């Protein structure tokens, strides 16, 4: 079911699953991983002009409830779970070549974190692992192929999801609404109910 012209319409179904990673690249919606009785490696793209789902290169391994974001025609997936444990696996799907790359592992093992792209970098905040809910904020720089740890969010939260409504801030939604505003010299985080 999708919103079309202000109304809901039934469209072709994808492979059923929950907690996948989703992103739009060049007008196609990509859905990767997720869970349905078991953790999935299925990746599909949906073309709204033809109402068709197309199978894509499968994830190299299961990845459910991962943080994700899009940067330059690629979808990045960090962390999540692959069965019964949280992971710090980090992967990039390149739509132009229909291929996956394994990248340096995210420093913190977690699932249910928020992912967002800003300034060509991939930010991952919050989430949870066996130690509990996290306020950890880490950033991956594709230019240096490396991770850096930033100031932690004031209140650990999980699960959280995020969006980037503009190039000036990210909003992460949980039981507390967060606004993360990148500044030229630092990354500040504020919370508001």
N, C-alpha and C. Protein backbone atom coordinates (compact mmCIF):
# COMPACT_ATOMS: atom_id res chain seq x y z
N UNK A 1 0.85 -1.17 0.00
CA UNK A 1 0.00 0.00 0.00
C UNK A 1 0.89 1.23 0.00
N UNK A 2 0.60 2.19 -0.88
CA UNK A 2 1.38 3.42 -0.96
C UNK A 2 0.46 4.61 -1.11
N UNK A 3 0.95 5.77 -0.70
CA UNK A 3 0.21 7.00 -0.91
C UNK A 3 0.48 7.47 -2.33
N UNK A 4 -0.59 7.70 -3.10
CA UNK A 4 -0.48 8.14 -4.47
C UNK A 4 -1.43 9.31 -4.66
N UNK A 5 -0.90 10.50 -4.93
CA UNK A 5 -1.75 11.65 -5.17
C UNK A 5 -2.69 11.97 -4.03
N UNK A 6 -2.26 11.79 -2.79
CA UNK A 6 -3.08 12.13 -1.64
C UNK A 6 -4.03 11.04 -1.19
N UNK A 7 -4.02 9.89 -1.86
CA UNK A 7 -4.86 8.77 -1.43
C UNK A 7 -4.00 7.51 -1.34
N UNK A 8 -4.51 6.49 -0.65
CA UNK A 8 -3.81 5.23 -0.52
C UNK A 8 -4.23 4.30 -1.64
N UNK A 9 -3.25 3.58 -2.21
CA UNK A 9 -3.53 2.63 -3.29
C UNK A 9 -2.74 1.35 -3.03
N UNK A 10 -3.33 0.21 -3.35
CA UNK A 10 -2.65 -1.07 -3.20
C UNK A 10 -1.73 -1.27 -4.39
N UNK A 11 -0.48 -1.61 -4.10
CA UNK A 11 0.53 -1.85 -5.14
C UNK A 11 1.06 -3.26 -4.99
N UNK A 12 1.91 -3.67 -5.92
CA UNK A 12 2.52 -4.99 -5.87
C UNK A 12 3.27 -5.17 -4.55
N UNK A 13 3.13 -6.32 -3.94
CA UNK A 13 3.77 -6.60 -2.66
C UNK A 13 5.23 -6.97 -2.81
N UNK A 14 6.03 -6.56 -1.83
CA UNK A 14 7.43 -6.99 -1.75
C UNK A 14 7.48 -8.29 -0.95
N UNK A 15 8.67 -8.86 -0.83
CA UNK A 15 8.85 -10.01 0.05
C UNK A 15 8.54 -9.53 1.46
N UNK A 16 7.61 -10.19 2.14
CA UNK A 16 7.15 -9.76 3.46
C UNK A 16 8.28 -9.84 4.48
N UNK A 17 8.48 -8.76 5.26
CA UNK A 17 9.46 -8.74 6.33
C UNK A 17 9.30 -7.46 7.13
N UNK A 18 9.82 -7.46 8.36
CA UNK A 18 9.82 -6.23 9.14
C UNK A 18 11.25 -5.82 9.46
N UNK A 19 11.41 -4.57 9.87
CA UNK A 19 12.70 -3.98 10.25
C UNK A 19 13.77 -4.03 9.17
N UNK A 20 13.40 -3.83 7.87
CA UNK A 20 14.44 -3.75 6.84
C UNK A 20 15.03 -2.34 6.81
N UNK A 21 16.05 -2.17 5.99
CA UNK A 21 16.59 -0.84 5.69
C UNK A 21 15.98 -0.41 4.37
N UNK A 22 15.61 0.88 4.26
CA UNK A 22 14.91 1.37 3.09
C UNK A 22 15.54 2.69 2.64
N UNK A 23 15.65 2.87 1.32
CA UNK A 23 16.14 4.13 0.78
C UNK A 23 15.75 4.27 -0.67
N UNK A 24 15.72 5.50 -1.17
CA UNK A 24 15.37 5.78 -2.57
C UNK A 24 16.62 6.27 -3.29
N UNK A 25 16.96 5.57 -4.37
CA UNK A 25 18.11 5.92 -5.21
C UNK A 25 17.62 6.03 -6.64
N UNK A 26 17.81 7.18 -7.27
CA UNK A 26 17.40 7.40 -8.66
C UNK A 26 15.96 6.99 -8.93
N UNK A 27 15.06 7.33 -8.02
CA UNK A 27 13.64 7.08 -8.20
C UNK A 27 13.18 5.68 -7.88
N UNK A 28 14.09 4.79 -7.50
CA UNK A 28 13.72 3.42 -7.12
C UNK A 28 13.83 3.28 -5.61
N UNK A 29 12.87 2.59 -5.00
CA UNK A 29 12.92 2.33 -3.57
C UNK A 29 13.60 0.99 -3.33
N UNK A 30 14.68 1.01 -2.56
CA UNK A 30 15.43 -0.21 -2.23
C UNK A 30 15.07 -0.65 -0.81
N UNK A 31 14.81 -1.95 -0.64
CA UNK A 31 14.50 -2.53 0.66
C UNK A 31 15.48 -3.68 0.87
N UNK A 32 16.25 -3.60 1.98
CA UNK A 32 17.31 -4.57 2.23
C UNK A 32 17.17 -5.21 3.60
N UNK A 33 17.32 -6.53 3.64
CA UNK A 33 17.32 -7.25 4.91
C UNK A 33 15.95 -7.27 5.55
N UNK A 34 15.96 -7.45 6.88
CA UNK A 34 14.72 -7.52 7.64
C UNK A 34 14.52 -8.91 8.23
N UNK A 35 13.34 -9.11 8.78
CA UNK A 35 13.03 -10.36 9.47
C UNK A 35 11.64 -10.84 9.10
N UNK A 36 11.52 -12.14 8.83
CA UNK A 36 10.23 -12.81 8.65
C UNK A 36 10.46 -14.28 8.97
N UNK A 37 10.20 -14.68 10.19
CA UNK A 37 10.46 -16.01 10.73
C UNK A 37 11.96 -16.21 10.95
N UNK A 38 12.78 -15.65 10.07
CA UNK A 38 14.23 -15.66 10.24
C UNK A 38 14.78 -14.35 9.65
N UNK A 39 16.04 -14.05 9.94
CA UNK A 39 16.65 -12.83 9.40
C UNK A 39 16.92 -13.03 7.91
N UNK A 40 16.67 -11.99 7.14
CA UNK A 40 16.69 -12.07 5.69
C UNK A 40 17.92 -11.40 5.08
N UNK A 41 18.33 -11.90 3.90
CA UNK A 41 19.37 -11.26 3.10
C UNK A 41 18.79 -10.68 1.82
N UNK A 42 17.48 -10.78 1.67
CA UNK A 42 16.77 -10.33 0.47
C UNK A 42 16.92 -8.82 0.28
N UNK A 43 17.19 -8.43 -0.97
CA UNK A 43 17.23 -7.02 -1.35
C UNK A 43 16.39 -6.89 -2.62
N UNK A 44 15.51 -5.90 -2.63
CA UNK A 44 14.65 -5.65 -3.79
C UNK A 44 14.59 -4.16 -4.06
N UNK A 45 14.29 -3.81 -5.31
CA UNK A 45 14.00 -2.42 -5.63
C UNK A 45 12.61 -2.34 -6.24
N UNK A 46 11.92 -1.24 -5.92
CA UNK A 46 10.56 -1.04 -6.43
C UNK A 46 10.56 0.16 -7.37
N UNK A 47 10.00 -0.03 -8.56
CA UNK A 47 9.87 1.05 -9.54
C UNK A 47 8.41 1.50 -9.56
N UNK A 48 8.11 2.71 -9.04
CA UNK A 48 6.71 3.16 -8.99
C UNK A 48 6.11 3.40 -10.37
N UNK A 49 6.95 3.58 -11.40
CA UNK A 49 6.39 3.81 -12.75
C UNK A 49 5.88 2.52 -13.38
N UNK A 50 6.45 1.37 -12.98
CA UNK A 50 6.00 0.09 -13.54
C UNK A 50 5.26 -0.78 -12.53
N UNK A 51 5.30 -0.37 -11.23
CA UNK A 51 4.69 -1.13 -10.15
C UNK A 51 5.29 -2.53 -10.04
N UNK A 52 6.62 -2.61 -10.24
CA UNK A 52 7.30 -3.90 -10.19
C UNK A 52 8.44 -3.88 -9.18
N UNK A 53 8.62 -5.02 -8.49
CA UNK A 53 9.76 -5.25 -7.61
C UNK A 53 10.79 -6.06 -8.38
N UNK A 54 12.06 -5.70 -8.26
CA UNK A 54 13.15 -6.40 -8.93
C UNK A 54 14.13 -6.92 -7.89
N UNK A 55 14.45 -8.22 -7.91
CA UNK A 55 15.46 -8.74 -6.99
C UNK A 55 16.82 -8.09 -7.28
N UNK A 56 17.56 -7.78 -6.24
CA UNK A 56 18.90 -7.20 -6.35
C UNK A 56 19.90 -8.11 -5.64
N UNK A 57 21.17 -7.76 -5.71
CA UNK A 57 22.21 -8.55 -5.05
C UNK A 57 21.87 -8.68 -3.57
N UNK A 58 21.87 -9.90 -3.07
CA UNK A 58 21.53 -10.16 -1.67
C UNK A 58 22.60 -9.60 -0.74
N UNK A 59 22.17 -9.26 0.48
CA UNK A 59 23.13 -8.88 1.51
C UNK A 59 24.14 -10.01 1.70
N UNK A 60 25.41 -9.71 1.97
CA UNK A 60 26.39 -10.77 2.22
C UNK A 60 26.06 -11.62 3.45
N UNK A 61 25.23 -11.10 4.35
CA UNK A 61 24.79 -11.83 5.53
C UNK A 61 23.56 -11.15 6.09
N UNK A 62 22.80 -11.80 6.97
CA UNK A 62 21.60 -11.19 7.52
C UNK A 62 21.91 -9.88 8.25
N UNK A 63 21.00 -8.93 8.10
CA UNK A 63 21.14 -7.64 8.80
C UNK A 63 19.74 -7.05 8.96
N UNK A 64 19.26 -7.05 10.21
CA UNK A 64 17.92 -6.57 10.54
C UNK A 64 18.04 -5.43 11.54
N UNK A 65 17.16 -4.45 11.43
CA UNK A 65 17.10 -3.34 12.39
C UNK A 65 18.41 -2.54 12.41
N UNK A 66 18.99 -2.35 11.22
CA UNK A 66 20.25 -1.61 11.07
C UNK A 66 19.97 -0.11 10.92
N UNK A 67 20.96 0.71 11.28
CA UNK A 67 20.93 2.13 10.96
C UNK A 67 21.28 2.25 9.48
N UNK A 68 20.62 3.15 8.77
CA UNK A 68 20.92 3.27 7.34
C UNK A 68 20.76 4.71 6.88
N UNK A 69 21.44 5.01 5.76
CA UNK A 69 21.35 6.33 5.12
C UNK A 69 21.89 6.20 3.70
N UNK A 70 21.58 7.19 2.89
CA UNK A 70 22.03 7.22 1.50
C UNK A 70 23.07 8.32 1.32
N UNK A 71 24.15 7.98 0.62
CA UNK A 71 25.17 8.96 0.27
C UNK A 71 25.60 8.66 -1.16
N UNK A 72 25.44 9.62 -2.06
CA UNK A 72 25.93 9.52 -3.42
C UNK A 72 25.58 8.25 -4.17
N UNK A 73 24.32 7.88 -4.22
CA UNK A 73 23.89 6.70 -4.98
C UNK A 73 24.19 5.38 -4.31
N UNK A 74 24.52 5.43 -3.01
CA UNK A 74 24.80 4.19 -2.28
C UNK A 74 24.01 4.19 -0.97
N UNK A 75 23.61 3.00 -0.54
CA UNK A 75 22.91 2.83 0.74
C UNK A 75 23.88 2.19 1.72
N UNK A 76 24.04 2.83 2.88
CA UNK A 76 24.93 2.34 3.94
C UNK A 76 24.08 1.71 5.05
N UNK A 77 24.49 0.54 5.53
CA UNK A 77 23.82 -0.17 6.63
C UNK A 77 24.85 -0.45 7.72
N UNK A 78 24.54 -0.03 8.95
CA UNK A 78 25.47 -0.24 10.06
C UNK A 78 24.75 -0.91 11.22
N UNK A 79 25.40 -1.93 11.77
CA UNK A 79 24.87 -2.59 12.96
C UNK A 79 23.61 -3.38 12.67
N UNK A 80 22.78 -3.49 13.70
CA UNK A 80 21.56 -4.28 13.61
C UNK A 80 21.75 -5.59 14.35
N UNK A 81 21.06 -6.59 13.85
CA UNK A 81 21.18 -7.93 14.43
C UNK A 81 21.19 -8.93 13.30
N UNK A 82 21.87 -10.07 13.50
CA UNK A 82 21.93 -11.09 12.46
C UNK A 82 21.32 -12.40 12.89
N UNK A 83 20.79 -12.44 14.07
CA UNK A 83 20.08 -13.61 14.59
C UNK A 83 19.67 -13.30 16.01
N UNK A 84 20.55 -13.62 16.90
CA UNK A 84 20.23 -13.46 18.31
C UNK A 84 21.13 -12.44 18.99
N UNK A 85 22.02 -11.81 18.26
CA UNK A 85 22.98 -10.87 18.84
C UNK A 85 23.08 -9.60 18.00
N UNK A 86 23.42 -8.50 18.67
CA UNK A 86 23.69 -7.25 17.97
C UNK A 86 25.03 -7.37 17.24
N UNK A 87 25.16 -6.63 16.14
CA UNK A 87 26.38 -6.68 15.33
C UNK A 87 26.89 -5.26 15.08
N UNK A 88 28.14 -5.15 14.66
CA UNK A 88 28.70 -3.86 14.25
C UNK A 88 29.10 -3.88 12.79
N UNK A 89 28.57 -4.85 12.05
CA UNK A 89 28.83 -4.99 10.62
C UNK A 89 28.44 -3.71 9.89
N UNK A 90 29.27 -3.31 8.91
CA UNK A 90 29.02 -2.09 8.15
C UNK A 90 29.17 -2.42 6.67
N UNK A 91 28.11 -2.14 5.90
CA UNK A 91 28.08 -2.48 4.48
C UNK A 91 27.57 -1.31 3.64
N UNK A 92 27.99 -1.31 2.36
CA UNK A 92 27.51 -0.31 1.39
C UNK A 92 26.98 -1.03 0.17
N UNK A 93 25.75 -0.65 -0.23
CA UNK A 93 25.16 -1.16 -1.47
C UNK A 93 25.29 -0.06 -2.52
N UNK A 94 25.94 -0.38 -3.64
CA UNK A 94 26.08 0.56 -4.75
C UNK A 94 25.09 0.17 -5.83
N UNK A 95 24.08 1.01 -6.05
CA UNK A 95 23.01 0.69 -6.99
C UNK A 95 23.53 0.56 -8.43
N UNK A 96 24.45 1.42 -8.82
CA UNK A 96 24.94 1.42 -10.21
C UNK A 96 25.58 0.09 -10.61
N UNK A 97 26.19 -0.60 -9.65
CA UNK A 97 26.84 -1.88 -9.95
C UNK A 97 26.11 -3.07 -9.33
N UNK A 98 25.01 -2.79 -8.61
CA UNK A 98 24.24 -3.84 -7.94
C UNK A 98 25.16 -4.73 -7.10
N UNK A 99 25.98 -4.07 -6.26
CA UNK A 99 26.95 -4.83 -5.49
C UNK A 99 27.09 -4.30 -4.06
N UNK A 100 27.54 -5.20 -3.17
CA UNK A 100 27.77 -4.87 -1.76
C UNK A 100 29.26 -4.82 -1.48
N UNK A 101 29.66 -3.90 -0.62
CA UNK A 101 31.03 -3.82 -0.13
C UNK A 101 30.98 -3.90 1.39
N UNK A 102 31.92 -4.64 1.97
CA UNK A 102 32.05 -4.68 3.42
C UNK A 102 33.06 -3.61 3.80
N UNK A 103 32.67 -2.74 4.72
CA UNK A 103 33.49 -1.60 5.13
C UNK A 103 33.98 -1.81 6.56
N UNK A 104 34.85 -0.92 7.07
CA UNK A 104 35.34 -1.07 8.45
C UNK A 104 34.18 -1.13 9.44
N UNK A 105 34.25 -2.06 10.36
CA UNK A 105 33.17 -2.25 11.34
C UNK A 105 32.92 -0.98 12.13
N UNK A 106 31.66 -0.72 12.43
CA UNK A 106 31.29 0.39 13.30
C UNK A 106 31.89 0.12 14.68
N UNK A 107 32.42 1.15 15.36
CA UNK A 107 33.06 0.92 16.66
C UNK A 107 32.15 0.28 17.71
N UNK A 108 30.87 0.65 17.72
CA UNK A 108 29.95 0.16 18.75
C UNK A 108 28.98 -0.85 18.17
N UNK A 109 28.92 -2.03 18.76
CA UNK A 109 27.95 -3.06 18.39
C UNK A 109 26.59 -2.62 18.90
N UNK A 110 25.58 -2.59 18.00
CA UNK A 110 24.24 -2.16 18.42
C UNK A 110 23.20 -2.42 17.34
N UNK A 111 21.94 -2.38 17.77
CA UNK A 111 20.79 -2.42 16.87
C UNK A 111 19.84 -1.31 17.29
N UNK A 112 18.88 -1.01 16.42
CA UNK A 112 17.87 -0.01 16.75
C UNK A 112 18.42 1.41 16.84
N UNK A 113 19.54 1.68 16.18
CA UNK A 113 20.13 3.02 16.17
C UNK A 113 19.56 3.83 15.02
N UNK A 114 19.73 5.13 15.08
CA UNK A 114 19.32 6.03 14.00
C UNK A 114 20.50 6.25 13.07
N UNK A 115 20.24 6.31 11.78
CA UNK A 115 21.26 6.62 10.79
C UNK A 115 20.84 7.83 9.99
N UNK A 116 21.79 8.68 9.65
CA UNK A 116 21.49 9.86 8.83
C UNK A 116 22.74 10.29 8.09
N UNK A 117 22.54 10.88 6.91
CA UNK A 117 23.64 11.41 6.11
C UNK A 117 23.66 12.92 6.24
N UNK A 118 24.87 13.47 6.37
CA UNK A 118 25.04 14.91 6.39
C UNK A 118 26.44 15.24 5.92
N UNK A 119 26.53 16.17 4.98
CA UNK A 119 27.83 16.60 4.49
C UNK A 119 28.68 15.47 3.93
N UNK A 120 28.02 14.48 3.32
CA UNK A 120 28.75 13.36 2.74
C UNK A 120 29.25 12.35 3.74
N UNK A 121 28.80 12.44 5.00
CA UNK A 121 29.21 11.50 6.04
C UNK A 121 27.98 10.79 6.60
N UNK A 122 28.21 9.64 7.23
CA UNK A 122 27.15 8.79 7.76
C UNK A 122 27.22 8.82 9.28
N UNK A 123 26.16 9.31 9.92
CA UNK A 123 26.07 9.42 11.38
C UNK A 123 25.18 8.31 11.93
N UNK A 124 25.60 7.69 13.03
CA UNK A 124 24.82 6.66 13.71
C UNK A 124 24.72 7.05 15.18
N UNK A 125 23.49 7.16 15.68
CA UNK A 125 23.29 7.58 17.06
C UNK A 125 22.33 6.67 17.80
N UNK A 126 22.61 6.47 19.10
CA UNK A 126 21.72 5.69 19.95
C UNK A 126 21.77 4.21 19.66
N UNK A 127 20.66 3.53 19.93
CA UNK A 127 20.56 2.10 19.74
C UNK A 127 20.68 1.36 21.06
N UNK A 128 20.85 0.05 20.96
CA UNK A 128 20.96 -0.76 22.17
C UNK A 128 21.82 -1.99 21.89
N UNK A 129 22.39 -2.52 22.96
CA UNK A 129 23.13 -3.78 22.92
C UNK A 129 22.98 -4.42 24.30
N UNK A 130 23.64 -5.51 24.60
CA UNK A 130 23.42 -6.16 25.90
C UNK A 130 23.67 -5.26 27.12
N UNK A 131 24.44 -4.18 26.95
CA UNK A 131 24.68 -3.27 28.09
C UNK A 131 23.51 -2.31 28.31
N UNK A 132 22.54 -2.28 27.38
CA UNK A 132 21.37 -1.42 27.54
C UNK A 132 21.24 -0.42 26.40
N UNK A 133 20.45 0.64 26.64
CA UNK A 133 20.25 1.70 25.66
C UNK A 133 21.50 2.57 25.61
N UNK A 134 21.80 3.09 24.41
CA UNK A 134 23.04 3.83 24.18
C UNK A 134 22.77 5.27 23.77
N UNK A 135 23.67 6.17 24.12
CA UNK A 135 23.66 7.54 23.64
C UNK A 135 24.80 7.79 22.67
N UNK A 136 25.53 6.76 22.34
CA UNK A 136 26.72 6.84 21.50
C UNK A 136 26.41 7.45 20.14
N UNK A 137 27.28 8.36 19.68
CA UNK A 137 27.17 8.97 18.36
C UNK A 137 28.49 8.78 17.64
N UNK A 138 28.44 8.12 16.48
CA UNK A 138 29.64 7.86 15.69
C UNK A 138 29.39 8.30 14.26
N UNK A 139 30.48 8.69 13.57
CA UNK A 139 30.37 9.16 12.19
C UNK A 139 31.40 8.45 11.32
N UNK A 140 30.92 8.01 10.16
CA UNK A 140 31.79 7.37 9.16
C UNK A 140 32.05 8.37 8.04
N UNK A 141 33.31 8.51 7.66
CA UNK A 141 33.72 9.40 6.57
C UNK A 141 34.16 8.54 5.39
N UNK A 142 33.37 8.51 4.29
CA UNK A 142 33.76 7.70 3.12
C UNK A 142 35.10 8.15 2.52
N UNK A 143 35.45 9.43 2.68
CA UNK A 143 36.71 9.95 2.13
C UNK A 143 37.93 9.34 2.78
N UNK A 144 37.84 9.04 4.08
CA UNK A 144 38.97 8.45 4.79
C UNK A 144 38.72 6.98 5.13
N UNK A 145 37.51 6.49 4.82
CA UNK A 145 37.11 5.11 5.11
C UNK A 145 37.33 4.78 6.59
N UNK A 146 36.92 5.73 7.45
CA UNK A 146 37.14 5.53 8.88
C UNK A 146 36.00 6.11 9.71
N UNK A 147 35.91 5.63 10.96
CA UNK A 147 34.91 6.06 11.93
C UNK A 147 35.53 7.00 12.95
N UNK A 148 34.72 7.91 13.49
CA UNK A 148 35.12 8.77 14.61
C UNK A 148 33.97 8.81 15.60
N UNK A 149 34.30 8.92 16.87
CA UNK A 149 33.28 9.02 17.91
C UNK A 149 33.07 10.49 18.24
N UNK A 150 31.81 10.91 18.33
CA UNK A 150 31.44 12.28 18.66
C UNK A 150 30.84 12.32 20.06
N UNK A 151 30.48 13.52 20.51
CA UNK A 151 29.85 13.67 21.82
C UNK A 151 28.56 12.84 21.87
N UNK A 152 28.37 12.13 22.97
CA UNK A 152 27.19 11.28 23.12
C UNK A 152 25.92 12.10 23.20
N UNK A 153 24.81 11.52 22.78
CA UNK A 153 23.51 12.14 22.94
C UNK A 153 23.21 12.24 24.43
N UNK A 154 22.48 13.27 24.87
CA UNK A 154 22.22 13.46 26.29
C UNK A 154 21.47 12.31 26.96
N UNK A 155 20.54 11.70 26.24
CA UNK A 155 19.74 10.63 26.82
C UNK A 155 19.83 9.39 25.93
N UNK A 156 20.34 8.28 26.45
CA UNK A 156 20.37 7.05 25.65
C UNK A 156 18.95 6.66 25.22
N UNK A 157 18.80 6.24 23.95
CA UNK A 157 17.48 5.86 23.44
C UNK A 157 17.59 4.71 22.47
N UNK A 158 16.60 3.85 22.50
CA UNK A 158 16.48 2.76 21.54
C UNK A 158 15.07 2.19 21.63
N UNK A 159 14.50 1.74 20.55
CA UNK A 159 15.00 1.98 19.21
C UNK A 159 14.64 3.39 18.76
N UNK A 160 15.45 3.96 17.89
CA UNK A 160 15.15 5.27 17.32
C UNK A 160 15.34 5.21 15.81
N UNK A 161 14.66 6.08 15.11
CA UNK A 161 14.77 6.20 13.66
C UNK A 161 15.02 7.67 13.36
N UNK A 162 15.54 7.96 12.20
CA UNK A 162 15.85 9.36 11.91
C UNK A 162 15.49 9.73 10.49
N UNK A 163 15.47 11.03 10.27
CA UNK A 163 15.29 11.57 8.93
C UNK A 163 16.11 12.84 8.85
N UNK A 164 16.38 13.28 7.66
CA UNK A 164 17.13 14.51 7.47
C UNK A 164 16.25 15.47 6.67
N UNK A 165 15.47 16.31 7.36
CA UNK A 165 14.54 17.17 6.64
C UNK A 165 15.21 18.26 5.83
N UNK A 166 16.47 18.56 6.14
CA UNK A 166 17.22 19.57 5.38
C UNK A 166 18.70 19.29 5.59
N UNK A 167 19.53 20.12 4.99
CA UNK A 167 20.98 19.94 5.18
C UNK A 167 21.48 20.63 6.44
N UNK A 168 20.58 21.01 7.34
CA UNK A 168 21.03 21.70 8.55
C UNK A 168 20.76 20.94 9.83
N UNK A 169 19.98 19.86 9.79
CA UNK A 169 19.72 19.11 11.02
C UNK A 169 19.16 17.74 10.72
N UNK A 170 19.24 16.87 11.72
CA UNK A 170 18.60 15.56 11.68
C UNK A 170 17.61 15.54 12.83
N UNK A 171 16.53 14.83 12.65
CA UNK A 171 15.62 14.60 13.76
C UNK A 171 15.53 13.11 14.00
N UNK A 172 15.72 12.71 15.24
CA UNK A 172 15.61 11.31 15.63
C UNK A 172 14.39 11.17 16.51
N UNK A 173 13.50 10.27 16.14
CA UNK A 173 12.26 10.11 16.89
C UNK A 173 12.31 8.87 17.76
N UNK A 174 11.92 9.02 19.01
CA UNK A 174 11.81 7.94 19.98
C UNK A 174 10.75 8.39 20.96
N UNK A 175 10.92 8.07 22.23
CA UNK A 175 9.99 8.59 23.22
C UNK A 175 10.32 10.04 23.55
N UNK A 176 11.51 10.48 23.16
CA UNK A 176 11.91 11.89 23.27
C UNK A 176 12.32 12.32 21.87
N UNK A 177 11.85 13.47 21.43
CA UNK A 177 12.22 13.97 20.12
C UNK A 177 13.57 14.64 20.23
N UNK A 178 14.48 14.34 19.30
CA UNK A 178 15.83 14.91 19.32
C UNK A 178 16.05 15.72 18.05
N UNK A 179 16.81 16.76 18.18
CA UNK A 179 17.27 17.50 17.02
C UNK A 179 18.78 17.54 17.11
N UNK A 180 19.45 17.02 16.10
CA UNK A 180 20.90 17.01 16.06
C UNK A 180 21.32 18.01 14.99
N UNK A 181 22.01 19.07 15.40
CA UNK A 181 22.38 20.14 14.48
C UNK A 181 23.88 20.19 14.28
N UNK A 182 24.39 19.78 13.10
CA UNK A 182 25.82 19.86 12.86
C UNK A 182 26.26 21.33 12.77
N UNK A 183 27.33 21.65 13.43
CA UNK A 183 27.93 22.99 13.38
C UNK A 183 29.29 22.83 12.71
N UNK A 184 29.85 23.89 12.13
CA UNK A 184 31.15 23.76 11.48
C UNK A 184 32.22 23.20 12.42
N UNK A 185 32.19 23.55 13.70
CA UNK A 185 33.25 23.12 14.59
C UNK A 185 32.86 21.98 15.52
N UNK A 186 31.56 21.67 15.65
CA UNK A 186 31.15 20.62 16.57
C UNK A 186 29.76 20.12 16.19
N UNK A 187 29.34 19.04 16.79
CA UNK A 187 28.00 18.49 16.59
C UNK A 187 27.27 18.61 17.90
N UNK A 188 26.20 19.39 17.93
CA UNK A 188 25.45 19.55 19.17
C UNK A 188 24.14 18.79 19.09
N UNK A 189 23.66 18.36 20.24
CA UNK A 189 22.42 17.60 20.31
C UNK A 189 21.51 18.28 21.31
N UNK A 190 20.27 18.52 20.93
CA UNK A 190 19.31 19.04 21.89
C UNK A 190 18.09 18.14 21.88
N UNK A 191 17.42 18.05 23.03
CA UNK A 191 16.23 17.25 23.13
C UNK A 191 15.06 18.15 23.49
N UNK A 192 13.90 17.78 22.99
CA UNK A 192 12.68 18.48 23.35
C UNK A 192 11.52 17.50 23.30
N UNK A 193 10.53 17.70 24.17
CA UNK A 193 9.41 16.75 24.19
C UNK A 193 8.53 16.89 22.97
